[in-house]
Amino acid sequence: MPEVSEILQDALRAANATFEKLGDLGPALSHAADLVTECLISDHKLLVCGNGGSAADGADFSAELACRFVNDRRPYPAMNLAQGGSLTSAISNDYGFDEVFARQVWAFGQRGDLLLAITTSGNSRNILRALEEAKKRGLTSIAFLGRDGGPAKGIANVELIIGGDSTARIQEAHKFLLHVLCEIVDARIPKA
């Protein structure tokens, strides 16, 4: 059985290797920040979706915008599509789980709005459907993907792909980039 210190050191090495590659995503992150900023200052909505831990990261990201990130400022419309248990269970029951986010993009999304989708594999069918629905309805989209991007690669307007085979390390990198995205956007959007 491996020692705790050995597991910790292995995790730190893997995290460092993953994070060292994030600098290559600067142009994509800059483009994503431009899109989020433009969406919010143009009085449009940001719709966010993900599954499991990615849903939690999406909830945190949307809360940072709808409440505040660091300093006090006005709230901006950012919705976590994974948060409504009644709606998500109704859609899943009536239309299948693959449609849980696409149906909400259809219901709430309007031209000028932005979808931010998070999947550590790029294989989540409900994320693929949300991205497809966003494209169909004229929404701009940003995808935080993992591994090689999977089938989701090439659908969104902007992609931030974290390579590797560890879901935990990919998710940690997504969380980090989402916080950096908040920092960039927070510096650009009006405070009042």
N, C-alpha and C. Protein backbone atom coordinates (compact mmCIF):
# COMPACT_ATOMS: atom_id res chain seq x y z
N MET A 1 0.85 -1.18 0.00
CA MET A 1 0.00 0.00 0.00
C MET A 1 0.90 1.25 0.00
N PRO A 2 0.68 2.18 -0.95
CA PRO A 2 1.53 3.37 -1.02
C PRO A 2 1.32 4.27 0.20
N GLU A 3 2.39 4.92 0.59
CA GLU A 3 2.35 5.87 1.70
C GLU A 3 1.64 7.14 1.25
N VAL A 4 1.07 7.85 2.21
CA VAL A 4 0.39 9.12 1.92
C VAL A 4 1.34 10.10 1.25
N SER A 5 2.57 10.19 1.76
CA SER A 5 3.53 11.13 1.18
C SER A 5 3.85 10.77 -0.27
N GLU A 6 3.89 9.48 -0.60
CA GLU A 6 4.16 9.06 -1.97
C GLU A 6 3.01 9.46 -2.89
N ILE A 7 1.77 9.25 -2.43
CA ILE A 7 0.60 9.64 -3.22
C ILE A 7 0.58 11.15 -3.42
N LEU A 8 0.87 11.89 -2.36
CA LEU A 8 0.90 13.34 -2.44
C LEU A 8 1.97 13.82 -3.41
N GLN A 9 3.15 13.26 -3.34
CA GLN A 9 4.24 13.66 -4.24
C GLN A 9 3.91 13.34 -5.70
N ASP A 10 3.30 12.18 -5.93
CA ASP A 10 2.88 11.82 -7.29
C ASP A 10 1.83 12.80 -7.81
N ALA A 11 0.87 13.15 -6.95
CA ALA A 11 -0.18 14.10 -7.35
C ALA A 11 0.41 15.48 -7.64
N LEU A 12 1.37 15.91 -6.82
CA LEU A 12 2.02 17.21 -7.04
C LEU A 12 2.80 17.23 -8.36
N ARG A 13 3.51 16.15 -8.65
CA ARG A 13 4.24 16.06 -9.92
C ARG A 13 3.28 16.14 -11.11
N ALA A 14 2.19 15.39 -11.02
CA ALA A 14 1.21 15.38 -12.11
C ALA A 14 0.53 16.75 -12.26
N ALA A 15 0.20 17.37 -11.13
CA ALA A 15 -0.43 18.70 -11.17
C ALA A 15 0.53 19.73 -11.76
N ASN A 16 1.78 19.69 -11.34
CA ASN A 16 2.76 20.63 -11.88
C ASN A 16 2.94 20.44 -13.38
N ALA A 17 3.00 19.20 -13.83
CA ALA A 17 3.15 18.93 -15.26
C ALA A 17 1.95 19.47 -16.04
N THR A 18 0.75 19.29 -15.48
CA THR A 18 -0.47 19.79 -16.14
C THR A 18 -0.48 21.31 -16.16
N PHE A 19 -0.17 21.94 -15.04
CA PHE A 19 -0.24 23.40 -14.94
C PHE A 19 0.84 24.08 -15.78
N GLU A 20 1.99 23.44 -15.95
CA GLU A 20 3.05 24.03 -16.77
C GLU A 20 2.61 24.22 -18.22
N LYS A 21 1.68 23.41 -18.68
CA LYS A 21 1.21 23.50 -20.06
C LYS A 21 0.12 24.56 -20.25
N LEU A 22 -0.41 25.12 -19.16
CA LEU A 22 -1.52 26.06 -19.26
C LEU A 22 -1.13 27.37 -19.95
N GLY A 23 0.14 27.72 -19.89
CA GLY A 23 0.60 28.95 -20.55
C GLY A 23 0.32 28.94 -22.04
N ASP A 24 0.28 27.75 -22.64
CA ASP A 24 -0.01 27.63 -24.07
C ASP A 24 -1.45 28.04 -24.39
N LEU A 25 -2.30 28.09 -23.37
CA LEU A 25 -3.71 28.42 -23.59
C LEU A 25 -3.99 29.92 -23.49
N GLY A 26 -2.95 30.73 -23.36
CA GLY A 26 -3.13 32.17 -23.23
C GLY A 26 -4.00 32.79 -24.31
N PRO A 27 -3.74 32.53 -25.60
CA PRO A 27 -4.58 33.11 -26.64
C PRO A 27 -6.05 32.67 -26.54
N ALA A 28 -6.29 31.40 -26.27
CA ALA A 28 -7.67 30.91 -26.14
C ALA A 28 -8.34 31.53 -24.91
N LEU A 29 -7.61 31.65 -23.81
CA LEU A 29 -8.17 32.25 -22.60
C LEU A 29 -8.48 33.73 -22.84
N SER A 30 -7.61 34.42 -23.56
CA SER A 30 -7.85 35.82 -23.89
C SER A 30 -9.12 35.96 -24.74
N HIS A 31 -9.28 35.08 -25.72
CA HIS A 31 -10.48 35.11 -26.56
C HIS A 31 -11.72 34.81 -25.73
N ALA A 32 -11.63 33.84 -24.83
CA ALA A 32 -12.75 33.51 -23.94
C ALA A 32 -13.12 34.71 -23.07
N ALA A 33 -12.11 35.39 -22.54
CA ALA A 33 -12.37 36.57 -21.71
C ALA A 33 -13.05 37.67 -22.51
N ASP A 34 -12.63 37.85 -23.76
CA ASP A 34 -13.29 38.83 -24.62
C ASP A 34 -14.76 38.49 -24.81
N LEU A 35 -15.06 37.22 -25.05
CA LEU A 35 -16.44 36.80 -25.28
C LEU A 35 -17.30 36.97 -24.03
N VAL A 36 -16.77 36.56 -22.87
CA VAL A 36 -17.53 36.70 -21.63
C VAL A 36 -17.77 38.18 -21.31
N THR A 37 -16.73 38.98 -21.45
CA THR A 37 -16.87 40.41 -21.18
C THR A 37 -17.91 41.04 -22.10
N GLU A 38 -17.80 40.78 -23.40
CA GLU A 38 -18.75 41.34 -24.37
C GLU A 38 -20.18 40.90 -24.06
N CYS A 39 -20.36 39.64 -23.72
CA CYS A 39 -21.68 39.12 -23.37
C CYS A 39 -22.27 39.90 -22.20
N LEU A 40 -21.50 40.04 -21.15
CA LEU A 40 -22.02 40.66 -19.92
C LEU A 40 -22.24 42.17 -20.06
N ILE A 41 -21.33 42.86 -20.70
CA ILE A 41 -21.51 44.32 -20.81
C ILE A 41 -22.57 44.67 -21.86
N SER A 42 -22.99 43.70 -22.66
CA SER A 42 -24.04 43.92 -23.65
C SER A 42 -25.41 43.48 -23.12
N ASP A 43 -25.49 43.26 -21.82
CA ASP A 43 -26.74 42.85 -21.16
C ASP A 43 -27.29 41.52 -21.67
N HIS A 44 -26.40 40.60 -21.95
CA HIS A 44 -26.80 39.25 -22.32
C HIS A 44 -26.47 38.31 -21.17
N LYS A 45 -26.90 37.05 -21.29
CA LYS A 45 -26.72 36.06 -20.24
C LYS A 45 -25.59 35.10 -20.55
N LEU A 46 -25.01 34.60 -19.48
CA LEU A 46 -24.03 33.53 -19.57
C LEU A 46 -24.70 32.28 -19.01
N LEU A 47 -24.77 31.22 -19.82
CA LEU A 47 -25.32 29.94 -19.41
C LEU A 47 -24.15 28.98 -19.23
N VAL A 48 -24.13 28.26 -18.11
CA VAL A 48 -22.98 27.41 -17.78
C VAL A 48 -23.48 25.99 -17.49
N CYS A 49 -22.77 24.99 -18.04
CA CYS A 49 -23.18 23.61 -17.76
C CYS A 49 -21.99 22.68 -17.66
N GLY A 50 -22.17 21.62 -16.90
CA GLY A 50 -21.18 20.58 -16.70
C GLY A 50 -21.81 19.47 -15.88
N ASN A 51 -21.15 18.34 -15.78
CA ASN A 51 -21.63 17.20 -15.02
C ASN A 51 -20.73 16.96 -13.81
N GLY A 52 -21.31 16.52 -12.71
CA GLY A 52 -20.53 16.15 -11.53
C GLY A 52 -19.66 17.28 -11.04
N GLY A 53 -18.34 17.02 -10.94
CA GLY A 53 -17.40 18.05 -10.48
C GLY A 53 -17.38 19.24 -11.41
N SER A 54 -17.58 19.01 -12.70
CA SER A 54 -17.62 20.12 -13.65
C SER A 54 -18.87 20.97 -13.44
N ALA A 55 -19.97 20.35 -13.00
CA ALA A 55 -21.18 21.11 -12.64
C ALA A 55 -20.89 22.00 -11.44
N ALA A 56 -20.13 21.46 -10.48
CA ALA A 56 -19.77 22.26 -9.31
C ALA A 56 -18.86 23.42 -9.70
N ASP A 57 -17.93 23.17 -10.61
CA ASP A 57 -17.06 24.25 -11.09
C ASP A 57 -17.88 25.30 -11.85
N GLY A 58 -18.85 24.85 -12.63
CA GLY A 58 -19.73 25.77 -13.33
C GLY A 58 -20.58 26.58 -12.37
N ALA A 59 -21.02 25.94 -11.29
CA ALA A 59 -21.80 26.65 -10.27
C ALA A 59 -20.96 27.73 -9.62
N ASP A 60 -19.72 27.41 -9.31
CA ASP A 60 -18.82 28.39 -8.71
C ASP A 60 -18.57 29.55 -9.66
N PHE A 61 -18.30 29.24 -10.94
CA PHE A 61 -18.03 30.29 -11.92
C PHE A 61 -19.23 31.21 -12.09
N SER A 62 -20.42 30.65 -12.22
CA SER A 62 -21.60 31.49 -12.40
C SER A 62 -21.90 32.30 -11.13
N ALA A 63 -21.64 31.73 -9.97
CA ALA A 63 -21.84 32.47 -8.71
C ALA A 63 -20.86 33.64 -8.60
N GLU A 64 -19.61 33.44 -9.07
CA GLU A 64 -18.62 34.52 -9.02
C GLU A 64 -19.09 35.73 -9.83
N LEU A 65 -19.83 35.48 -10.91
CA LEU A 65 -20.31 36.57 -11.75
C LEU A 65 -21.64 37.13 -11.26
N ALA A 66 -22.54 36.28 -10.82
CA ALA A 66 -23.86 36.74 -10.38
C ALA A 66 -23.81 37.37 -8.99
N CYS A 67 -22.80 37.03 -8.20
CA CYS A 67 -22.62 37.64 -6.87
C CYS A 67 -21.45 38.62 -6.95
N ARG A 68 -20.25 38.11 -6.74
CA ARG A 68 -19.02 38.88 -6.92
C ARG A 68 -17.86 37.92 -6.85
N PHE A 69 -16.73 38.35 -7.40
CA PHE A 69 -15.55 37.50 -7.36
C PHE A 69 -14.68 37.89 -6.18
N VAL A 70 -14.05 39.06 -6.22
CA VAL A 70 -13.23 39.52 -5.10
C VAL A 70 -13.83 40.79 -4.50
N ASN A 71 -13.93 41.81 -5.31
CA ASN A 71 -14.41 43.11 -4.82
C ASN A 71 -15.89 43.30 -5.13
N ASP A 72 -16.51 44.18 -4.36
CA ASP A 72 -17.92 44.46 -4.56
C ASP A 72 -18.16 45.10 -5.92
N ARG A 73 -19.17 44.66 -6.60
CA ARG A 73 -19.59 45.21 -7.89
C ARG A 73 -21.01 44.74 -8.16
N ARG A 74 -21.59 45.30 -9.21
CA ARG A 74 -22.94 44.89 -9.57
C ARG A 74 -22.96 43.42 -9.99
N PRO A 75 -24.11 42.74 -9.86
CA PRO A 75 -24.21 41.35 -10.30
C PRO A 75 -24.42 41.28 -11.81
N TYR A 76 -23.98 40.18 -12.41
CA TYR A 76 -24.17 39.93 -13.83
C TYR A 76 -24.92 38.61 -14.03
N PRO A 77 -25.73 38.52 -15.09
CA PRO A 77 -26.57 37.32 -15.28
C PRO A 77 -25.79 36.11 -15.77
N ALA A 78 -25.49 35.23 -14.85
CA ALA A 78 -24.81 33.97 -15.14
C ALA A 78 -25.62 32.85 -14.49
N MET A 79 -26.05 31.90 -15.28
CA MET A 79 -26.92 30.83 -14.80
C MET A 79 -26.22 29.48 -14.89
N ASN A 80 -26.26 28.73 -13.80
CA ASN A 80 -25.75 27.37 -13.78
C ASN A 80 -26.89 26.44 -14.16
N LEU A 81 -26.83 25.83 -15.33
CA LEU A 81 -27.92 24.99 -15.82
C LEU A 81 -28.04 23.66 -15.09
N ALA A 82 -27.09 23.32 -14.24
CA ALA A 82 -27.15 22.07 -13.49
C ALA A 82 -27.83 22.25 -12.13
N GLN A 83 -28.22 23.47 -11.77
CA GLN A 83 -28.66 23.72 -10.40
C GLN A 83 -30.12 23.41 -10.10
N GLY A 84 -31.00 23.42 -11.06
CA GLY A 84 -32.42 23.25 -10.77
C GLY A 84 -32.86 21.80 -10.78
N GLY A 85 -32.95 21.20 -9.63
CA GLY A 85 -33.31 19.78 -9.53
C GLY A 85 -34.64 19.44 -10.18
N SER A 86 -35.65 20.26 -9.99
CA SER A 86 -36.96 19.98 -10.57
C SER A 86 -36.90 20.01 -12.08
N LEU A 87 -36.26 21.05 -12.65
CA LEU A 87 -36.18 21.17 -14.10
C LEU A 87 -35.28 20.10 -14.70
N THR A 88 -34.10 19.88 -14.11
CA THR A 88 -33.20 18.88 -14.69
C THR A 88 -33.79 17.47 -14.62
N SER A 89 -34.51 17.16 -13.54
CA SER A 89 -35.11 15.82 -13.45
C SER A 89 -36.30 15.70 -14.39
N ALA A 90 -37.06 16.77 -14.58
CA ALA A 90 -38.19 16.72 -15.52
C ALA A 90 -37.69 16.50 -16.95
N ILE A 91 -36.68 17.27 -17.35
CA ILE A 91 -36.13 17.11 -18.70
C ILE A 91 -35.55 15.72 -18.87
N SER A 92 -34.80 15.26 -17.88
CA SER A 92 -34.19 13.92 -17.95
C SER A 92 -35.25 12.84 -18.06
N ASN A 93 -36.32 12.99 -17.30
CA ASN A 93 -37.39 12.00 -17.32
C ASN A 93 -38.15 12.02 -18.65
N ASP A 94 -38.47 13.21 -19.13
CA ASP A 94 -39.32 13.33 -20.31
C ASP A 94 -38.56 13.22 -21.64
N TYR A 95 -37.30 13.66 -21.66
CA TYR A 95 -36.55 13.72 -22.91
C TYR A 95 -35.23 12.95 -22.89
N GLY A 96 -34.82 12.48 -21.73
CA GLY A 96 -33.55 11.77 -21.58
C GLY A 96 -32.46 12.71 -21.10
N PHE A 97 -31.48 12.15 -20.40
CA PHE A 97 -30.42 12.96 -19.80
C PHE A 97 -29.56 13.67 -20.84
N ASP A 98 -29.49 13.13 -22.05
CA ASP A 98 -28.71 13.78 -23.11
C ASP A 98 -29.25 15.17 -23.42
N GLU A 99 -30.51 15.43 -23.14
CA GLU A 99 -31.15 16.71 -23.47
C GLU A 99 -31.23 17.69 -22.31
N VAL A 100 -30.69 17.31 -21.15
CA VAL A 100 -30.88 18.12 -19.93
C VAL A 100 -30.37 19.56 -20.08
N PHE A 101 -29.28 19.78 -20.79
CA PHE A 101 -28.76 21.13 -20.97
C PHE A 101 -29.23 21.76 -22.29
N ALA A 102 -29.35 20.96 -23.33
CA ALA A 102 -29.79 21.49 -24.63
C ALA A 102 -31.18 22.10 -24.52
N ARG A 103 -32.04 21.43 -23.80
CA ARG A 103 -33.41 21.94 -23.64
C ARG A 103 -33.41 23.29 -22.91
N GLN A 104 -32.52 23.45 -21.94
CA GLN A 104 -32.43 24.72 -21.22
C GLN A 104 -31.79 25.81 -22.08
N VAL A 105 -30.82 25.43 -22.91
CA VAL A 105 -30.25 26.40 -23.85
C VAL A 105 -31.36 26.91 -24.77
N TRP A 106 -32.22 26.00 -25.20
CA TRP A 106 -33.35 26.37 -26.05
C TRP A 106 -34.30 27.29 -25.28
N ALA A 107 -34.59 26.96 -24.02
CA ALA A 107 -35.55 27.73 -23.22
C ALA A 107 -35.03 29.11 -22.84
N PHE A 108 -33.77 29.19 -22.43
CA PHE A 108 -33.25 30.44 -21.85
C PHE A 108 -32.31 31.21 -22.77
N GLY A 109 -31.71 30.55 -23.72
CA GLY A 109 -30.70 31.18 -24.56
C GLY A 109 -31.29 32.03 -25.67
N GLN A 110 -30.68 33.17 -25.88
CA GLN A 110 -31.07 34.07 -26.96
C GLN A 110 -29.81 34.51 -27.68
N ARG A 111 -29.97 34.91 -28.93
CA ARG A 111 -28.83 35.41 -29.70
C ARG A 111 -28.13 36.50 -28.87
N GLY A 112 -26.82 36.42 -28.79
CA GLY A 112 -26.04 37.34 -27.96
C GLY A 112 -25.64 36.75 -26.63
N ASP A 113 -26.35 35.69 -26.19
CA ASP A 113 -25.99 35.00 -24.95
C ASP A 113 -24.79 34.10 -25.23
N LEU A 114 -24.20 33.61 -24.16
CA LEU A 114 -22.99 32.80 -24.26
C LEU A 114 -23.15 31.53 -23.45
N LEU A 115 -22.80 30.40 -24.03
CA LEU A 115 -22.78 29.12 -23.32
C LEU A 115 -21.34 28.78 -22.98
N LEU A 116 -21.09 28.46 -21.71
CA LEU A 116 -19.80 27.96 -21.27
C LEU A 116 -20.02 26.53 -20.79
N ALA A 117 -19.45 25.57 -21.50
CA ALA A 117 -19.64 24.15 -21.21
C ALA A 117 -18.34 23.54 -20.72
N ILE A 118 -18.44 22.67 -19.71
CA ILE A 118 -17.27 22.07 -19.10
C ILE A 118 -17.41 20.55 -19.11
N THR A 119 -16.41 19.86 -19.67
CA THR A 119 -16.37 18.40 -19.63
C THR A 119 -14.92 17.94 -19.60
N THR A 120 -14.57 17.14 -18.64
CA THR A 120 -13.17 16.69 -18.51
C THR A 120 -12.79 15.67 -19.58
N SER A 121 -13.78 15.09 -20.24
CA SER A 121 -13.48 14.09 -21.26
C SER A 121 -13.75 14.61 -22.68
N GLY A 122 -14.72 15.49 -22.81
CA GLY A 122 -15.18 15.90 -24.13
C GLY A 122 -16.16 14.91 -24.72
N ASN A 123 -16.54 13.90 -23.94
CA ASN A 123 -17.42 12.83 -24.42
C ASN A 123 -18.84 12.91 -23.90
N SER A 124 -19.14 13.83 -23.00
CA SER A 124 -20.46 13.88 -22.37
C SER A 124 -21.52 14.27 -23.40
N ARG A 125 -22.43 13.35 -23.66
CA ARG A 125 -23.45 13.57 -24.69
C ARG A 125 -24.30 14.80 -24.40
N ASN A 126 -24.63 15.03 -23.12
CA ASN A 126 -25.47 16.20 -22.81
C ASN A 126 -24.71 17.52 -23.04
N ILE A 127 -23.40 17.51 -22.89
CA ILE A 127 -22.60 18.70 -23.19
C ILE A 127 -22.52 18.90 -24.71
N LEU A 128 -22.32 17.81 -25.44
CA LEU A 128 -22.32 17.90 -26.91
C LEU A 128 -23.64 18.48 -27.41
N ARG A 129 -24.75 17.99 -26.87
CA ARG A 129 -26.06 18.48 -27.29
C ARG A 129 -26.25 19.95 -26.93
N ALA A 130 -25.75 20.37 -25.77
CA ALA A 130 -25.86 21.78 -25.38
C ALA A 130 -25.07 22.66 -26.35
N LEU A 131 -23.87 22.23 -26.70
CA LEU A 131 -23.06 22.99 -27.66
C LEU A 131 -23.72 23.05 -29.03
N GLU A 132 -24.29 21.93 -29.46
CA GLU A 132 -24.99 21.90 -30.74
C GLU A 132 -26.21 22.82 -30.74
N GLU A 133 -26.96 22.80 -29.64
CA GLU A 133 -28.14 23.65 -29.53
C GLU A 133 -27.76 25.12 -29.49
N ALA A 134 -26.68 25.43 -28.80
CA ALA A 134 -26.20 26.81 -28.76
C ALA A 134 -25.86 27.30 -30.17
N LYS A 135 -25.16 26.47 -30.91
CA LYS A 135 -24.79 26.83 -32.29
C LYS A 135 -26.05 27.02 -33.14
N LYS A 136 -27.00 26.12 -33.00
CA LYS A 136 -28.25 26.19 -33.76
C LYS A 136 -29.00 27.48 -33.46
N ARG A 137 -28.96 27.94 -32.23
CA ARG A 137 -29.73 29.11 -31.80
C ARG A 137 -28.94 30.42 -31.90
N GLY A 138 -27.72 30.34 -32.40
CA GLY A 138 -26.93 31.55 -32.60
C GLY A 138 -26.23 32.07 -31.36
N LEU A 139 -26.05 31.22 -30.34
CA LEU A 139 -25.28 31.60 -29.16
C LEU A 139 -23.81 31.35 -29.43
N THR A 140 -22.97 32.15 -28.85
CA THR A 140 -21.53 31.91 -28.87
C THR A 140 -21.24 30.89 -27.77
N SER A 141 -20.18 30.10 -27.93
CA SER A 141 -19.88 29.11 -26.91
C SER A 141 -18.39 28.98 -26.63
N ILE A 142 -18.11 28.62 -25.39
CA ILE A 142 -16.76 28.34 -24.91
C ILE A 142 -16.81 26.93 -24.31
N ALA A 143 -15.84 26.09 -24.68
CA ALA A 143 -15.79 24.73 -24.12
C ALA A 143 -14.49 24.53 -23.37
N PHE A 144 -14.59 24.13 -22.12
CA PHE A 144 -13.46 23.67 -21.32
C PHE A 144 -13.47 22.15 -21.45
N LEU A 145 -12.49 21.62 -22.15
CA LEU A 145 -12.45 20.20 -22.47
C LEU A 145 -11.22 19.55 -21.86
N GLY A 146 -11.22 18.22 -21.83
CA GLY A 146 -10.07 17.47 -21.34
C GLY A 146 -9.62 16.44 -22.33
N ARG A 147 -8.48 15.81 -22.00
CA ARG A 147 -7.86 14.78 -22.83
C ARG A 147 -7.58 15.32 -24.22
N ASP A 148 -8.16 14.74 -25.27
CA ASP A 148 -7.92 15.26 -26.63
C ASP A 148 -9.10 16.09 -27.12
N GLY A 149 -10.04 16.39 -26.24
CA GLY A 149 -11.23 17.17 -26.59
C GLY A 149 -12.42 16.33 -26.95
N GLY A 150 -12.17 15.06 -27.30
CA GLY A 150 -13.25 14.14 -27.62
C GLY A 150 -14.15 14.66 -28.74
N PRO A 151 -15.36 14.12 -28.82
CA PRO A 151 -16.30 14.55 -29.86
C PRO A 151 -16.72 16.01 -29.74
N ALA A 152 -16.52 16.61 -28.57
CA ALA A 152 -16.89 18.03 -28.39
C ALA A 152 -15.91 18.97 -29.09
N LYS A 153 -14.73 18.47 -29.40
CA LYS A 153 -13.72 19.31 -30.04
C LYS A 153 -14.23 19.80 -31.40
N GLY A 154 -14.10 21.10 -31.61
CA GLY A 154 -14.48 21.69 -32.89
C GLY A 154 -15.89 22.26 -32.93
N ILE A 155 -16.66 22.12 -31.87
CA ILE A 155 -18.04 22.63 -31.88
C ILE A 155 -18.11 24.07 -31.36
N ALA A 156 -17.39 24.36 -30.29
CA ALA A 156 -17.46 25.68 -29.65
C ALA A 156 -16.65 26.73 -30.42
N ASN A 157 -16.97 27.98 -30.17
CA ASN A 157 -16.21 29.09 -30.76
C ASN A 157 -14.80 29.17 -30.19
N VAL A 158 -14.67 28.85 -28.91
CA VAL A 158 -13.37 28.85 -28.23
C VAL A 158 -13.26 27.58 -27.41
N GLU A 159 -12.09 26.95 -27.47
CA GLU A 159 -11.85 25.72 -26.71
C GLU A 159 -10.60 25.87 -25.86
N LEU A 160 -10.70 25.43 -24.63
CA LEU A 160 -9.54 25.34 -23.75
C LEU A 160 -9.42 23.86 -23.39
N ILE A 161 -8.46 23.19 -24.02
CA ILE A 161 -8.32 21.75 -23.86
C ILE A 161 -7.12 21.45 -22.97
N ILE A 162 -7.38 20.70 -21.90
CA ILE A 162 -6.34 20.27 -20.97
C ILE A 162 -6.01 18.82 -21.30
N GLY A 163 -4.82 18.59 -21.82
CA GLY A 163 -4.39 17.24 -22.14
C GLY A 163 -4.10 16.44 -20.88
N GLY A 164 -3.93 15.16 -21.05
CA GLY A 164 -3.62 14.28 -19.92
C GLY A 164 -4.68 13.22 -19.77
N ASP A 165 -4.44 12.31 -18.83
CA ASP A 165 -5.38 11.21 -18.65
C ASP A 165 -5.96 11.15 -17.24
N SER A 166 -5.66 12.14 -16.42
CA SER A 166 -6.18 12.16 -15.05
C SER A 166 -7.34 13.16 -14.95
N THR A 167 -8.53 12.64 -14.70
CA THR A 167 -9.70 13.50 -14.56
C THR A 167 -9.48 14.53 -13.46
N ALA A 168 -8.87 14.12 -12.36
CA ALA A 168 -8.64 15.04 -11.24
C ALA A 168 -7.75 16.21 -11.66
N ARG A 169 -6.64 15.92 -12.35
CA ARG A 169 -5.73 16.98 -12.77
C ARG A 169 -6.38 17.90 -13.81
N ILE A 170 -7.16 17.31 -14.73
CA ILE A 170 -7.87 18.11 -15.73
C ILE A 170 -8.86 19.04 -15.04
N GLN A 171 -9.62 18.49 -14.09
CA GLN A 171 -10.61 19.30 -13.39
C GLN A 171 -9.95 20.42 -12.59
N GLU A 172 -8.81 20.12 -11.96
CA GLU A 172 -8.09 21.17 -11.21
C GLU A 172 -7.63 22.29 -12.15
N ALA A 173 -7.18 21.91 -13.33
CA ALA A 173 -6.74 22.92 -14.30
C ALA A 173 -7.93 23.73 -14.79
N HIS A 174 -9.07 23.08 -15.03
CA HIS A 174 -10.26 23.82 -15.43
C HIS A 174 -10.64 24.84 -14.36
N LYS A 175 -10.66 24.39 -13.11
CA LYS A 175 -11.01 25.28 -12.00
C LYS A 175 -10.07 26.48 -11.94
N PHE A 176 -8.80 26.23 -12.09
CA PHE A 176 -7.80 27.30 -12.08
C PHE A 176 -8.07 28.29 -13.22
N LEU A 177 -8.28 27.78 -14.42
CA LEU A 177 -8.53 28.65 -15.58
C LEU A 177 -9.83 29.43 -15.42
N LEU A 178 -10.84 28.82 -14.84
CA LEU A 178 -12.10 29.53 -14.59
C LEU A 178 -11.88 30.70 -13.63
N HIS A 179 -11.07 30.49 -12.61
CA HIS A 179 -10.77 31.58 -11.68
C HIS A 179 -9.94 32.68 -12.37
N VAL A 180 -8.99 32.30 -13.20
CA VAL A 180 -8.22 33.30 -13.94
C VAL A 180 -9.15 34.06 -14.88
N LEU A 181 -10.07 33.35 -15.52
CA LEU A 181 -11.05 34.00 -16.38
C LEU A 181 -11.88 35.01 -15.59
N CYS A 182 -12.27 34.66 -14.38
CA CYS A 182 -12.98 35.60 -13.50
C CYS A 182 -12.13 36.84 -13.22
N GLU A 183 -10.87 36.64 -12.93
CA GLU A 183 -9.98 37.77 -12.66
C GLU A 183 -9.91 38.72 -13.85
N ILE A 184 -9.76 38.17 -15.03
CA ILE A 184 -9.65 38.99 -16.24
C ILE A 184 -10.95 39.75 -16.48
N VAL A 185 -12.07 39.02 -16.44
CA VAL A 185 -13.37 39.63 -16.71
C VAL A 185 -13.71 40.67 -15.65
N ASP A 186 -13.45 40.35 -14.39
CA ASP A 186 -13.75 41.28 -13.30
C ASP A 186 -13.03 42.63 -13.48
N ALA A 187 -11.83 42.60 -14.04
CA ALA A 187 -11.09 43.84 -14.26
C ALA A 187 -11.67 44.65 -15.40
N ARG A 188 -12.49 44.04 -16.25
CA ARG A 188 -13.01 44.71 -17.44
C ARG A 188 -14.44 45.19 -17.32
N ILE A 189 -15.27 44.54 -16.50
CA ILE A 189 -16.69 44.86 -16.47
C ILE A 189 -16.97 46.01 -15.51
N PRO A 190 -18.00 46.80 -15.81
CA PRO A 190 -18.35 47.92 -14.93
C PRO A 190 -18.70 47.45 -13.53
N LYS A 191 -18.32 48.22 -12.54
CA LYS A 191 -18.57 47.86 -11.15
C LYS A 191 -19.97 48.26 -10.70
N ALA A 192 -20.54 49.26 -11.37
CA ALA A 192 -21.88 49.73 -10.95
C ALA A 192 -22.84 49.66 -12.12
